[in-house]
Amino acid sequence: MKCPGQDSRYWKPGAIFEAKCPECGNTVEFFKDDTTRLCKACGHRMLNPNMDFGCAAYCRYAEQCIGNLPPELLAQKENLLKDRVAIEMKRYFKRDFKRIGHAGRVARYAERIGKEEAGNLAVILSAAYLHDVGIEVSEEKHPGENASDHEEEGVPVARGILEGLGAREELIEEVCDIIAHHHHPRSDEDINFKCVYDADLIANLEEKHKEGPLTEADLERTIGERFYTESGKTLAREVLMGGQA
């Protein structure tokens, strides 16, 4: 069955139209389901200015439906992914509001750090939302659960969620790799891992600080020794020390 939005039987007047090439001003004819068209005058490939990507921005079958996706749509698709991952995380944890809250704080901190550090936010936020999804399975399978157990158990859960959302395999692999060792940094971590690690550390320290306040000296020592990014250090001081430098 073809998507009604792309089926010409449902087209209305205006489904075939003309647009000006942004490079040379030549007139280019578009069908409403064209994602791009090549300008015959200058050779520029232009994006369909009237195309409503709608569901194509998140649908896992978008490429089969409308052909090869342009870079602009790929970027939009990954930008929307983080919101759908957040929904799936909440659905997975059900009424475990403590873990939902923790994941949400980690994601919020990771987004801020990731923007400052120019990381891949689709990867960073997906990993941040899903980094602890292995805890429940680990508690059932491994009494006396530890970090290594829930890292390992989180990978298949996260993979299932991301595959169900139609995420790119490359993104899935990177997110799962981060989850698989998010408490155990390697010597050669990239910026995406560092952003998630620092965000999770802030959230964990914040929770520990509420249970039993840490001294300013202890906090400063931890920030100086354990954080990877300068943005993470700055945010940690803001969250944990009221912005003190």
Protein backbone atom coordinates (compact mmCIF):
# COMPACT_ATOMS: atom_id res chain seq x y z
CA MET A 1 0.00 0.00 0.00
CA LYS A 2 1.35 3.38 -0.99
CA CYS A 3 1.23 6.28 1.44
CA PRO A 4 -1.84 8.41 0.49
CA GLY A 5 0.27 11.55 0.67
CA GLN A 6 2.49 10.25 -2.11
CA ASP A 7 -0.20 8.50 -4.19
CA SER A 8 -1.06 10.60 -7.26
CA ARG A 9 -4.68 9.41 -7.13
CA TYR A 10 -5.16 11.65 -4.12
CA TRP A 11 -3.38 14.68 -5.54
CA LYS A 12 -5.16 17.99 -5.79
CA PRO A 13 -4.53 21.02 -8.04
CA GLY A 14 -1.09 22.43 -7.37
CA ALA A 15 0.52 18.99 -7.04
CA ILE A 16 2.66 19.92 -10.04
CA PHE A 17 4.22 23.36 -9.73
CA GLU A 18 7.19 25.51 -10.66
CA ALA A 19 9.86 27.01 -8.41
CA LYS A 20 12.84 29.30 -8.94
CA CYS A 21 16.32 27.84 -8.64
CA PRO A 22 18.03 29.61 -5.72
CA GLU A 23 21.35 29.59 -7.61
CA CYS A 24 20.44 30.96 -11.03
CA GLY A 25 16.74 31.87 -10.95
CA ASN A 26 15.77 29.41 -13.67
CA THR A 27 12.30 27.86 -13.46
CA VAL A 28 12.28 24.26 -12.26
CA GLU A 29 9.19 22.04 -12.47
CA PHE A 30 8.35 19.91 -9.42
CA PHE A 31 5.92 17.12 -8.73
CA LYS A 32 4.74 17.22 -5.13
CA ASP A 33 6.47 13.92 -4.30
CA ASP A 34 9.87 15.00 -5.69
CA THR A 35 12.32 15.45 -2.84
CA THR A 36 14.79 17.24 -5.11
CA ARG A 37 15.09 18.32 -8.74
CA LEU A 38 18.12 19.19 -10.85
CA CYS A 39 18.14 22.66 -12.40
CA LYS A 40 18.79 22.17 -16.11
CA ALA A 41 20.30 25.63 -16.42
CA CYS A 42 23.04 25.50 -13.76
CA GLY A 43 23.06 21.93 -12.50
CA HIS A 44 22.13 22.83 -8.92
CA ARG A 45 20.10 20.14 -7.12
CA MET A 46 17.44 21.96 -5.15
CA LEU A 47 15.18 20.73 -2.37
CA ASN A 48 11.44 20.71 -3.05
CA PRO A 49 10.35 24.02 -1.42
CA ASN A 50 6.74 22.89 -0.99
CA MET A 51 7.29 19.39 0.27
CA ASP A 52 5.67 18.60 3.59
CA PHE A 53 7.99 15.98 4.99
CA GLY A 54 5.59 15.36 7.88
CA CYS A 55 5.78 11.70 8.83
CA ALA A 56 8.84 11.23 6.61
CA ALA A 57 10.86 13.04 9.24
CA TYR A 58 10.48 10.09 11.59
CA CYS A 59 9.01 7.17 9.62
CA ARG A 60 11.37 4.19 9.32
CA TYR A 61 10.04 3.54 5.79
CA ALA A 62 10.50 7.09 4.54
CA GLU A 63 13.31 6.23 2.15
CA GLN A 64 11.31 3.46 0.47
CA CYS A 65 8.31 5.78 0.27
CA ILE A 66 9.86 8.92 -1.23
CA GLY A 67 13.26 7.79 -2.43
CA ASN A 68 16.71 8.78 -1.22
CA LEU A 69 16.39 11.25 1.63
CA PRO A 70 18.16 14.60 1.22
CA PRO A 71 20.64 15.71 3.89
CA GLU A 72 18.18 18.27 5.21
CA LEU A 73 15.60 15.57 5.92
CA LEU A 74 18.16 13.21 7.42
CA ALA A 75 19.16 15.96 9.86
CA GLN A 76 15.52 16.63 10.71
CA LYS A 77 14.86 12.91 11.17
CA GLU A 78 17.70 12.54 13.67
CA ASN A 79 16.67 15.73 15.45
CA LEU A 80 13.21 14.27 16.03
CA LEU A 81 14.64 10.93 17.12
CA LYS A 82 15.64 12.21 20.56
CA ASP A 83 12.04 13.11 21.41
CA ARG A 84 10.79 9.67 20.40
CA VAL A 85 13.59 7.99 22.37
CA ALA A 86 12.51 9.98 25.43
CA ILE A 87 8.95 8.70 25.02
CA GLU A 88 10.13 5.10 24.65
CA MET A 89 12.34 5.45 27.74
CA LYS A 90 9.36 6.57 29.80
CA ARG A 91 7.26 3.77 28.38
CA TYR A 92 9.97 1.26 29.25
CA PHE A 93 10.36 2.38 32.87
CA LYS A 94 6.57 2.65 33.31
CA ARG A 95 5.98 4.05 36.82
CA ASP A 96 9.60 4.03 37.92
CA PHE A 97 9.65 7.80 38.23
CA LYS A 98 13.02 7.85 39.96
CA ARG A 99 14.77 6.34 36.94
CA ILE A 100 12.71 8.39 34.51
CA GLY A 101 13.73 11.53 36.39
CA HIS A 102 17.38 10.52 36.44
CA ALA A 103 17.42 9.79 32.70
CA GLY A 104 15.70 13.11 32.01
CA ARG A 105 18.27 15.05 34.03
CA VAL A 106 21.16 13.25 32.35
CA ALA A 107 19.67 14.05 28.95
CA ARG A 108 19.14 17.70 29.88
CA TYR A 109 22.72 18.07 31.08
CA ALA A 110 24.06 16.09 28.11
CA GLU A 111 22.23 18.31 25.64
CA ARG A 112 23.75 21.44 27.15
CA ILE A 113 27.25 19.94 27.24
CA GLY A 114 26.85 18.47 23.76
CA LYS A 115 25.90 21.81 22.25
CA GLU A 116 28.90 23.51 23.86
CA GLU A 117 31.27 20.73 22.78
CA ALA A 118 29.82 20.40 19.24
CA GLY A 119 28.93 16.72 19.69
CA ASN A 120 26.34 14.70 17.78
CA LEU A 121 23.17 15.43 19.75
CA ALA A 122 21.21 12.54 18.22
CA VAL A 123 23.81 10.10 19.56
CA ILE A 124 24.37 11.93 22.83
CA LEU A 125 20.71 12.30 23.76
CA SER A 126 19.74 8.79 22.68
CA ALA A 127 22.53 7.38 24.87
CA ALA A 128 21.63 9.71 27.74
CA TYR A 129 17.98 8.70 27.76
CA LEU A 130 18.77 4.98 27.44
CA HIS A 131 21.98 4.62 29.46
CA ASP A 132 20.28 2.89 32.41
CA VAL A 133 17.69 0.73 30.62
CA GLY A 134 19.60 -2.40 31.60
CA ILE A 135 19.12 -1.91 35.34
CA GLU A 136 15.81 -3.78 35.69
CA VAL A 137 16.99 -6.81 33.69
CA SER A 138 20.29 -6.79 35.56
CA GLU A 139 18.56 -6.76 38.96
CA GLU A 140 16.52 -9.79 37.95
CA LYS A 141 19.42 -11.76 36.48
CA HIS A 142 22.29 -10.65 38.70
CA PRO A 143 21.49 -10.29 42.42
CA GLY A 144 23.89 -7.79 43.90
CA GLU A 145 23.80 -5.83 40.66
CA ASN A 146 26.80 -3.75 39.71
CA ALA A 147 27.53 -1.21 37.01
CA SER A 148 29.11 -3.71 34.61
CA ASP A 149 26.03 -5.91 34.71
CA HIS A 150 23.57 -3.18 33.89
CA GLU A 151 25.82 -1.77 31.18
CA GLU A 152 25.86 -5.17 29.47
CA GLU A 153 22.15 -5.80 29.90
CA GLY A 154 21.28 -2.36 28.62
CA VAL A 155 22.68 -2.92 25.14
CA PRO A 156 19.99 -5.30 23.75
CA VAL A 157 17.22 -3.24 25.34
CA ALA A 158 18.52 -0.02 23.81
CA ARG A 159 19.10 -1.69 20.45
CA GLY A 160 15.53 -2.96 20.37
CA ILE A 161 14.15 0.50 21.12
CA LEU A 162 16.29 2.23 18.51
CA GLU A 163 15.64 -0.37 15.84
CA GLY A 164 11.93 -0.03 16.50
CA LEU A 165 12.25 3.71 15.86
CA GLY A 166 14.09 3.14 12.59
CA ALA A 167 17.37 4.73 13.67
CA ARG A 168 20.42 4.40 11.44
CA GLU A 169 22.59 1.38 12.16
CA GLU A 170 25.65 3.59 12.64
CA LEU A 171 23.82 5.61 15.29
CA ILE A 172 22.55 2.46 16.99
CA GLU A 173 26.07 1.01 17.15
CA GLU A 174 27.53 4.15 18.68
CA VAL A 175 24.75 4.56 21.23
CA CYS A 176 25.01 0.90 22.26
CA ASP A 177 28.78 1.19 22.59
CA ILE A 178 28.39 4.17 24.92
CA ILE A 179 25.79 2.35 27.02
CA ALA A 180 27.98 -0.78 27.18
CA HIS A 181 30.71 1.03 29.14
CA HIS A 182 29.21 4.33 30.29
CA HIS A 183 30.66 3.89 33.80
CA HIS A 184 34.03 2.59 32.56
CA PRO A 185 35.75 5.10 30.25
CA ARG A 186 38.45 3.91 27.89
CA SER A 187 41.63 5.80 27.18
CA ASP A 188 40.51 7.09 23.77
CA GLU A 189 36.89 8.22 24.17
CA ASP A 190 35.30 10.57 21.63
CA ILE A 191 33.35 13.70 22.46
CA ASN A 192 29.94 12.00 22.35
CA PHE A 193 30.92 9.56 25.10
CA LYS A 194 32.50 12.33 27.16
CA CYS A 195 29.34 14.43 27.04
CA VAL A 196 27.17 11.53 28.24
CA TYR A 197 29.70 10.52 30.91
CA ASP A 198 29.97 14.04 32.32
CA ALA A 199 26.18 14.50 32.30
CA ASP A 200 25.62 11.20 34.12
CA LEU A 201 28.30 12.11 36.64
CA ILE A 202 26.62 15.44 37.37
CA ALA A 203 23.26 13.74 37.91
CA ASN A 204 24.79 11.09 40.17
CA LEU A 205 26.70 13.66 42.22
CA GLU A 206 23.57 15.78 42.46
CA GLU A 207 21.63 12.84 43.90
CA LYS A 208 24.46 11.97 46.29
CA HIS A 209 24.78 15.59 47.35
CA LYS A 210 21.08 15.71 48.28
CA GLU A 211 21.38 12.56 50.39
CA GLY A 212 24.41 13.85 52.26
CA PRO A 213 25.93 17.22 51.31
CA LEU A 214 29.47 17.00 49.96
CA THR A 215 32.00 19.61 50.96
CA GLU A 216 33.04 22.25 48.49
CA ALA A 217 36.57 20.84 48.55
CA ASP A 218 35.33 17.33 47.73
CA LEU A 219 33.18 18.62 44.90
CA GLU A 220 35.99 20.71 43.43
CA ARG A 221 38.40 17.79 43.60
CA THR A 222 35.91 15.49 41.88
CA ILE A 223 35.17 18.06 39.18
CA GLY A 224 38.86 18.60 38.55
CA GLU A 225 39.80 14.93 38.46
CA ARG A 226 36.86 13.05 36.95
CA PHE A 227 35.25 15.27 34.33
CA TYR A 228 36.31 15.16 30.69
CA THR A 229 34.89 18.35 29.18
CA GLU A 230 35.27 21.97 30.18
CA SER A 231 31.55 22.44 29.57
CA GLY A 232 30.84 19.56 31.93
CA LYS A 233 33.03 21.11 34.63
CA THR A 234 31.30 24.46 34.26
CA LEU A 235 27.84 22.89 34.43
CA ALA A 236 28.83 20.74 37.41
CA ARG A 237 29.90 23.82 39.35
CA GLU A 238 26.65 25.54 38.42
CA VAL A 239 24.46 22.61 39.47
CA LEU A 240 26.42 21.49 42.51
CA MET A 241 28.12 24.63 43.77
CA GLY A 242 25.85 27.43 42.69
CA GLY A 243 28.06 28.46 39.77
CA GLN A 244 31.27 28.90 41.73
CA ALA A 245 34.41 28.86 39.59
